[in-house]
């Protein structure tokens, strides 16, 4: 998941936001495998009167049925101006019998 805080956010607000997202994922039964702070960047277009945003990323595993609950909790957070939750598709496995043909 990648999310953006408003342009007035800094390192302290970013750390608080990472802790909050980690807590939300844990409460939903997931496990965070890593986080990354991208820092402040200029937005391609204004979002809620912000020309800059503080970008953050978290990688985690979560049951797909709980993803909507997480998305609703993130939507309720007023400090997050945008977020993108991406689901990794399972890679198809090749059956050995088909591979021999």
N, C-alpha and C. Protein backbone atom coordinates (compact mmCIF):
# COMPACT_ATOMS: atom_id res chain seq x y z
N UNK A 1 0.84 -1.17 0.00
CA UNK A 1 0.00 0.00 0.00
C UNK A 1 0.89 1.24 0.00
N UNK A 2 0.50 2.20 -0.76
CA UNK A 2 1.15 3.51 -0.78
C UNK A 2 0.10 4.52 -0.34
N UNK A 3 0.51 5.45 0.52
CA UNK A 3 -0.41 6.51 0.92
C UNK A 3 0.32 7.83 1.00
N UNK A 4 -0.47 8.91 0.88
CA UNK A 4 0.08 10.26 0.85
C UNK A 4 -0.54 11.07 1.97
N UNK A 5 0.31 11.72 2.75
CA UNK A 5 -0.15 12.68 3.75
C UNK A 5 -0.09 14.07 3.15
N UNK A 6 -0.77 15.02 3.74
CA UNK A 6 -0.76 16.40 3.25
C UNK A 6 0.63 16.99 3.22
N UNK A 7 0.80 18.05 2.44
CA UNK A 7 2.10 18.67 2.24
C UNK A 7 2.73 19.25 3.49
N UNK A 8 1.94 19.53 4.52
CA UNK A 8 2.48 20.09 5.76
C UNK A 8 3.03 19.01 6.69
N UNK A 9 2.91 17.73 6.32
CA UNK A 9 3.39 16.63 7.15
C UNK A 9 4.91 16.54 7.06
N UNK A 10 5.50 16.03 8.12
CA UNK A 10 6.94 15.85 8.17
C UNK A 10 7.29 14.46 8.66
N UNK A 11 8.53 14.28 9.08
CA UNK A 11 9.00 12.97 9.52
C UNK A 11 8.22 12.45 10.72
N UNK A 12 7.91 13.33 11.66
CA UNK A 12 7.18 12.91 12.86
C UNK A 12 5.78 12.41 12.52
N UNK A 13 5.05 13.16 11.70
CA UNK A 13 3.71 12.74 11.28
C UNK A 13 3.78 11.46 10.44
N UNK A 14 4.84 11.34 9.64
CA UNK A 14 5.03 10.13 8.84
C UNK A 14 5.23 8.90 9.71
N UNK A 15 6.05 9.04 10.75
CA UNK A 15 6.29 7.92 11.67
C UNK A 15 5.01 7.53 12.40
N UNK A 16 4.23 8.53 12.81
CA UNK A 16 2.95 8.26 13.47
C UNK A 16 2.00 7.54 12.53
N UNK A 17 1.98 7.95 11.28
CA UNK A 17 1.10 7.33 10.29
C UNK A 17 1.50 5.88 10.01
N UNK A 18 2.82 5.62 9.94
CA UNK A 18 3.29 4.25 9.73
C UNK A 18 2.88 3.38 10.91
N UNK A 19 3.02 3.89 12.14
CA UNK A 19 2.60 3.14 13.32
C UNK A 19 1.10 2.85 13.29
N UNK A 20 0.32 3.84 12.87
CA UNK A 20 -1.14 3.66 12.81
C UNK A 20 -1.52 2.60 11.78
N UNK A 21 -0.91 2.65 10.60
CA UNK A 21 -1.21 1.67 9.55
C UNK A 21 -0.78 0.28 10.00
N UNK A 22 0.40 0.18 10.63
CA UNK A 22 0.88 -1.10 11.14
C UNK A 22 -0.11 -1.67 12.16
N UNK A 23 -0.62 -0.81 13.01
CA UNK A 23 -1.59 -1.23 14.01
C UNK A 23 -2.90 -1.69 13.36
N UNK A 24 -3.37 -0.95 12.35
CA UNK A 24 -4.60 -1.32 11.65
C UNK A 24 -4.45 -2.67 10.96
N UNK A 25 -3.31 -2.90 10.33
CA UNK A 25 -3.06 -4.18 9.65
C UNK A 25 -3.04 -5.31 10.68
N UNK A 26 -2.37 -5.09 11.81
CA UNK A 26 -2.30 -6.12 12.85
C UNK A 26 -3.68 -6.41 13.42
N UNK A 27 -4.49 -5.36 13.62
CA UNK A 27 -5.85 -5.54 14.14
C UNK A 27 -6.72 -6.33 13.16
N UNK A 28 -6.42 -6.22 11.87
CA UNK A 28 -7.18 -6.94 10.85
C UNK A 28 -6.64 -8.35 10.63
N UNK A 29 -5.63 -8.74 11.40
CA UNK A 29 -5.09 -10.08 11.29
C UNK A 29 -3.97 -10.22 10.28
N UNK A 30 -3.39 -9.12 9.87
CA UNK A 30 -2.31 -9.15 8.88
C UNK A 30 -0.95 -9.00 9.52
N UNK A 31 0.07 -9.07 8.68
CA UNK A 31 1.45 -8.94 9.15
C UNK A 31 2.22 -8.02 8.20
N UNK A 32 2.80 -6.96 8.74
CA UNK A 32 3.58 -6.01 7.95
C UNK A 32 4.99 -6.58 7.76
N UNK A 33 5.43 -6.65 6.49
CA UNK A 33 6.76 -7.19 6.21
C UNK A 33 7.79 -6.09 5.98
N UNK A 34 7.34 -4.85 5.77
CA UNK A 34 8.29 -3.76 5.59
C UNK A 34 7.59 -2.44 5.33
N UNK A 35 8.27 -1.36 5.66
CA UNK A 35 7.76 -0.02 5.40
C UNK A 35 8.86 0.81 4.77
N UNK A 36 8.46 1.84 4.05
CA UNK A 36 9.43 2.72 3.40
C UNK A 36 8.86 4.13 3.38
N UNK A 37 9.69 5.10 3.70
CA UNK A 37 9.30 6.51 3.65
C UNK A 37 9.94 7.10 2.40
N UNK A 38 9.10 7.57 1.49
CA UNK A 38 9.60 8.17 0.25
C UNK A 38 9.87 9.66 0.44
N UNK A 39 9.23 10.26 1.43
CA UNK A 39 9.45 11.67 1.71
C UNK A 39 8.50 12.59 0.96
N UNK A 40 8.82 13.87 1.02
CA UNK A 40 7.97 14.90 0.43
C UNK A 40 8.26 15.01 -1.06
N UNK A 41 7.19 15.02 -1.85
CA UNK A 41 7.30 15.14 -3.30
C UNK A 41 6.20 16.06 -3.83
N UNK A 42 6.47 16.63 -4.98
CA UNK A 42 5.48 17.47 -5.63
C UNK A 42 4.43 16.59 -6.29
N UNK A 43 3.17 16.93 -6.09
CA UNK A 43 2.07 16.18 -6.69
C UNK A 43 1.89 16.58 -8.15
N UNK A 44 1.42 15.66 -8.97
CA UNK A 44 1.19 15.93 -10.39
C UNK A 44 0.03 16.93 -10.56
N UNK A 45 -0.91 16.90 -9.62
CA UNK A 45 -2.04 17.82 -9.63
C UNK A 45 -2.46 18.05 -8.18
N UNK A 46 -3.06 19.19 -7.89
CA UNK A 46 -3.45 19.48 -6.50
C UNK A 46 -4.49 18.48 -5.98
N UNK A 47 -4.30 18.05 -4.75
CA UNK A 47 -5.25 17.17 -4.06
C UNK A 47 -5.63 17.86 -2.76
N UNK A 48 -6.90 18.17 -2.61
CA UNK A 48 -7.40 18.87 -1.42
C UNK A 48 -6.54 20.09 -1.10
N UNK A 49 -6.26 20.89 -2.10
CA UNK A 49 -5.49 22.13 -2.01
C UNK A 49 -4.03 21.91 -1.59
N UNK A 50 -3.52 20.71 -1.77
CA UNK A 50 -2.12 20.39 -1.50
C UNK A 50 -1.37 20.26 -2.82
N UNK A 51 -0.24 20.95 -2.94
CA UNK A 51 0.62 20.81 -4.12
C UNK A 51 1.77 19.86 -3.86
N UNK A 52 2.02 19.54 -2.58
CA UNK A 52 3.04 18.58 -2.19
C UNK A 52 2.41 17.55 -1.29
N UNK A 53 3.03 16.37 -1.23
CA UNK A 53 2.55 15.31 -0.37
C UNK A 53 3.71 14.55 0.22
N UNK A 54 3.48 13.92 1.35
CA UNK A 54 4.48 13.11 2.04
C UNK A 54 4.12 11.65 1.78
N UNK A 55 4.95 10.97 0.98
CA UNK A 55 4.65 9.62 0.52
C UNK A 55 5.21 8.56 1.46
N UNK A 56 4.40 7.51 1.69
CA UNK A 56 4.81 6.38 2.53
C UNK A 56 4.35 5.08 1.87
N UNK A 57 5.05 3.99 2.19
CA UNK A 57 4.70 2.69 1.62
C UNK A 57 4.81 1.63 2.71
N UNK A 58 3.89 0.65 2.68
CA UNK A 58 3.96 -0.49 3.59
C UNK A 58 3.65 -1.76 2.79
N UNK A 59 4.43 -2.78 3.01
CA UNK A 59 4.17 -4.09 2.41
C UNK A 59 3.65 -4.99 3.51
N UNK A 60 2.54 -5.66 3.25
CA UNK A 60 1.96 -6.54 4.26
C UNK A 60 1.14 -7.63 3.61
N UNK A 61 0.88 -8.67 4.39
CA UNK A 61 0.01 -9.75 3.97
C UNK A 61 -1.24 -9.67 4.83
N UNK A 62 -2.39 -9.80 4.15
CA UNK A 62 -3.67 -9.67 4.83
C UNK A 62 -4.69 -10.51 4.08
N UNK A 63 -5.57 -11.15 4.81
CA UNK A 63 -6.64 -11.92 4.19
C UNK A 63 -7.49 -10.97 3.34
N UNK A 64 -7.77 -11.36 2.11
CA UNK A 64 -8.49 -10.49 1.18
C UNK A 64 -9.86 -10.06 1.67
N UNK A 65 -10.49 -10.88 2.49
CA UNK A 65 -11.81 -10.51 3.00
C UNK A 65 -11.73 -9.38 4.02
N UNK A 66 -10.56 -9.15 4.59
CA UNK A 66 -10.39 -8.08 5.59
C UNK A 66 -9.89 -6.78 4.96
N UNK A 67 -9.58 -6.80 3.67
CA UNK A 67 -9.02 -5.62 3.00
C UNK A 67 -10.01 -4.46 2.98
N UNK A 68 -11.31 -4.75 2.81
CA UNK A 68 -12.29 -3.66 2.80
C UNK A 68 -12.37 -2.97 4.15
N UNK A 69 -12.26 -3.72 5.22
CA UNK A 69 -12.27 -3.12 6.56
C UNK A 69 -11.08 -2.17 6.71
N UNK A 70 -9.93 -2.62 6.24
CA UNK A 70 -8.73 -1.78 6.31
C UNK A 70 -8.90 -0.52 5.48
N UNK A 71 -9.45 -0.65 4.28
CA UNK A 71 -9.66 0.50 3.41
C UNK A 71 -10.62 1.51 4.06
N UNK A 72 -11.66 1.03 4.72
CA UNK A 72 -12.59 1.94 5.40
C UNK A 72 -11.91 2.68 6.54
N UNK A 73 -11.06 1.98 7.29
CA UNK A 73 -10.33 2.62 8.39
C UNK A 73 -9.37 3.68 7.86
N UNK A 74 -8.75 3.40 6.73
CA UNK A 74 -7.83 4.36 6.13
C UNK A 74 -8.60 5.57 5.61
N UNK A 75 -9.76 5.35 5.01
CA UNK A 75 -10.58 6.45 4.52
C UNK A 75 -11.02 7.38 5.66
N UNK A 76 -11.17 6.83 6.85
CA UNK A 76 -11.60 7.64 8.00
C UNK A 76 -10.48 8.53 8.52
N UNK A 77 -9.24 8.23 8.20
CA UNK A 77 -8.09 9.03 8.65
C UNK A 77 -8.00 10.30 7.80
N UNK A 78 -8.24 11.45 8.40
CA UNK A 78 -8.27 12.72 7.68
C UNK A 78 -6.90 13.20 7.23
N UNK A 79 -5.82 12.66 7.81
CA UNK A 79 -4.49 13.11 7.42
C UNK A 79 -4.03 12.48 6.10
N UNK A 80 -4.65 11.36 5.71
CA UNK A 80 -4.29 10.68 4.46
C UNK A 80 -5.14 11.27 3.33
N UNK A 81 -4.44 11.88 2.35
CA UNK A 81 -5.19 12.51 1.26
C UNK A 81 -5.41 11.57 0.07
N UNK A 82 -4.57 10.53 -0.05
CA UNK A 82 -4.74 9.50 -1.09
C UNK A 82 -4.09 8.21 -0.59
N UNK A 83 -4.64 7.08 -1.04
CA UNK A 83 -3.99 5.80 -0.78
C UNK A 83 -4.28 4.84 -1.92
N UNK A 84 -3.41 3.89 -2.08
CA UNK A 84 -3.56 2.86 -3.11
C UNK A 84 -3.20 1.53 -2.48
N UNK A 85 -4.18 0.66 -2.41
CA UNK A 85 -4.00 -0.67 -1.85
C UNK A 85 -3.98 -1.65 -3.01
N UNK A 86 -2.88 -2.36 -3.19
CA UNK A 86 -2.70 -3.24 -4.34
C UNK A 86 -2.69 -4.69 -3.86
N UNK A 87 -3.43 -5.52 -4.58
CA UNK A 87 -3.46 -6.94 -4.27
C UNK A 87 -2.55 -7.67 -5.24
N UNK A 88 -1.66 -8.47 -4.71
CA UNK A 88 -0.76 -9.25 -5.54
C UNK A 88 -1.49 -10.52 -5.98
N UNK A 89 -1.52 -10.72 -7.27
CA UNK A 89 -2.17 -11.91 -7.81
C UNK A 89 -1.25 -13.11 -7.64
N UNK A 90 -1.82 -14.25 -7.27
CA UNK A 90 -0.96 -15.44 -7.17
C UNK A 90 -0.45 -15.85 -8.55
N UNK A 91 0.79 -16.27 -8.58
CA UNK A 91 1.39 -16.68 -9.85
C UNK A 91 0.88 -18.07 -10.21
N UNK A 92 0.51 -18.28 -11.47
CA UNK A 92 0.01 -19.60 -11.85
C UNK A 92 1.13 -20.63 -11.76
N UNK A 93 0.79 -21.80 -11.29
CA UNK A 93 1.79 -22.87 -11.19
C UNK A 93 1.59 -23.83 -12.36
N UNK A 94 2.67 -24.35 -12.85
CA UNK A 94 2.62 -25.28 -13.96
C UNK A 94 2.63 -26.70 -13.39
N UNK A 95 1.65 -27.47 -13.81
CA UNK A 95 1.55 -28.85 -13.35
C UNK A 95 2.61 -29.66 -14.10
N UNK A 96 3.34 -30.51 -13.39
CA UNK A 96 4.43 -31.26 -13.98
C UNK A 96 3.99 -32.13 -15.14
N UNK A 97 2.80 -32.68 -15.08
CA UNK A 97 2.32 -33.55 -16.15
C UNK A 97 2.17 -32.75 -17.44
N UNK A 98 1.73 -31.50 -17.34
CA UNK A 98 1.58 -30.65 -18.52
C UNK A 98 2.95 -30.21 -19.04
N UNK A 99 3.91 -30.05 -18.14
CA UNK A 99 5.23 -29.60 -18.55
C UNK A 99 5.98 -30.68 -19.33
N UNK A 100 5.67 -31.96 -19.07
CA UNK A 100 6.34 -33.05 -19.77
C UNK A 100 5.88 -33.20 -21.22
N UNK A 101 4.75 -32.68 -21.56
CA UNK A 101 4.18 -32.85 -22.91
C UNK A 101 4.86 -32.00 -23.92
